[in-house]
C-alpha cells in the first residue's frame, strides 16, 4: 500500500502516525482511521473536526 517509502526502525504504527500527521498538516486528510492486520488493530486515530463551525473535534 503506502508503507513502502518509510524508514526502517519505525514500527508500522509509528509509520502510519507519521503518514497521517503529515497528511493532516497539509490539509489533505480529515477523518477517522482504523487499520488492522489479520483482524487486530495496529493503528487508530482521529484527525480534524466533526463540525468545523463549532470546533467539535472528531473522536473514536
Protein backbone atom coordinates (compact mmCIF):
# COMPACT_ATOMS: atom_id res chain seq x y z
CA UNK A 1 0.00 0.00 0.00
CA UNK A 2 1.58 3.31 1.12
CA UNK A 3 4.16 1.96 3.53
CA UNK A 4 6.99 1.32 1.09
CA UNK A 5 8.57 4.75 1.49
CA UNK A 6 9.05 4.73 5.27
CA UNK A 7 12.37 4.29 7.02
CA UNK A 8 13.42 1.10 8.73
CA UNK A 9 13.45 1.04 12.51
CA UNK A 10 9.97 2.51 12.89
CA UNK A 11 7.05 0.32 13.87
CA UNK A 12 4.12 0.17 11.47
CA UNK A 13 2.08 2.16 13.99
CA UNK A 14 4.76 4.89 14.07
CA UNK A 15 4.92 4.91 10.27
CA UNK A 16 1.16 5.30 9.99
CA UNK A 17 1.13 8.03 12.64
CA UNK A 18 3.78 9.92 10.66
CA UNK A 19 1.85 9.48 7.40
CA UNK A 20 -1.49 10.70 8.73
CA UNK A 21 0.09 13.52 10.76
CA UNK A 22 1.73 14.75 7.55
CA UNK A 23 -1.46 14.46 5.50
CA UNK A 24 -3.45 16.30 8.16
CA UNK A 25 -0.83 19.06 8.46
CA UNK A 26 -1.03 19.57 4.68
CA UNK A 27 -4.86 19.74 4.84
CA UNK A 28 -5.09 16.56 2.75
CA UNK A 29 -6.94 14.41 5.30
CA UNK A 30 -9.71 14.88 7.85
CA UNK A 31 -11.37 11.86 9.39
CA UNK A 32 -11.03 8.72 11.48
CA UNK A 33 -8.63 5.90 10.67
CA UNK A 34 -8.62 2.26 11.75
CA UNK A 35 -6.07 -0.07 10.18
CA UNK A 36 -5.98 -3.74 11.13
CA UNK A 37 -3.68 -6.63 10.31
CA UNK A 38 -5.25 -10.09 10.46
CA UNK A 39 -8.18 -8.65 12.39
CA UNK A 40 -6.02 -6.93 15.02
CA UNK A 41 -5.97 -3.13 15.07
CA UNK A 42 -2.46 -1.76 14.54
CA UNK A 43 -3.40 1.91 14.25
CA UNK A 44 -6.39 4.06 15.11
CA UNK A 45 -6.68 7.80 15.32
CA UNK A 46 -8.94 10.75 14.56
CA UNK A 47 -7.87 13.92 12.76
CA UNK A 48 -9.73 17.18 12.45
CA UNK A 49 -13.25 18.26 13.21
CA UNK A 50 -16.67 16.65 13.04
CA UNK A 51 -18.12 20.19 12.96
CA UNK A 52 -15.68 22.89 11.91
CA UNK A 53 -18.02 25.79 12.73
CA UNK A 54 -18.50 24.59 16.30
CA UNK A 55 -14.88 23.33 16.57
CA UNK A 56 -16.16 19.88 17.56
CA UNK A 57 -13.23 17.50 17.28
CA UNK A 58 -13.56 14.05 15.76
CA UNK A 59 -13.18 11.20 18.21
CA UNK A 60 -13.07 7.46 18.09
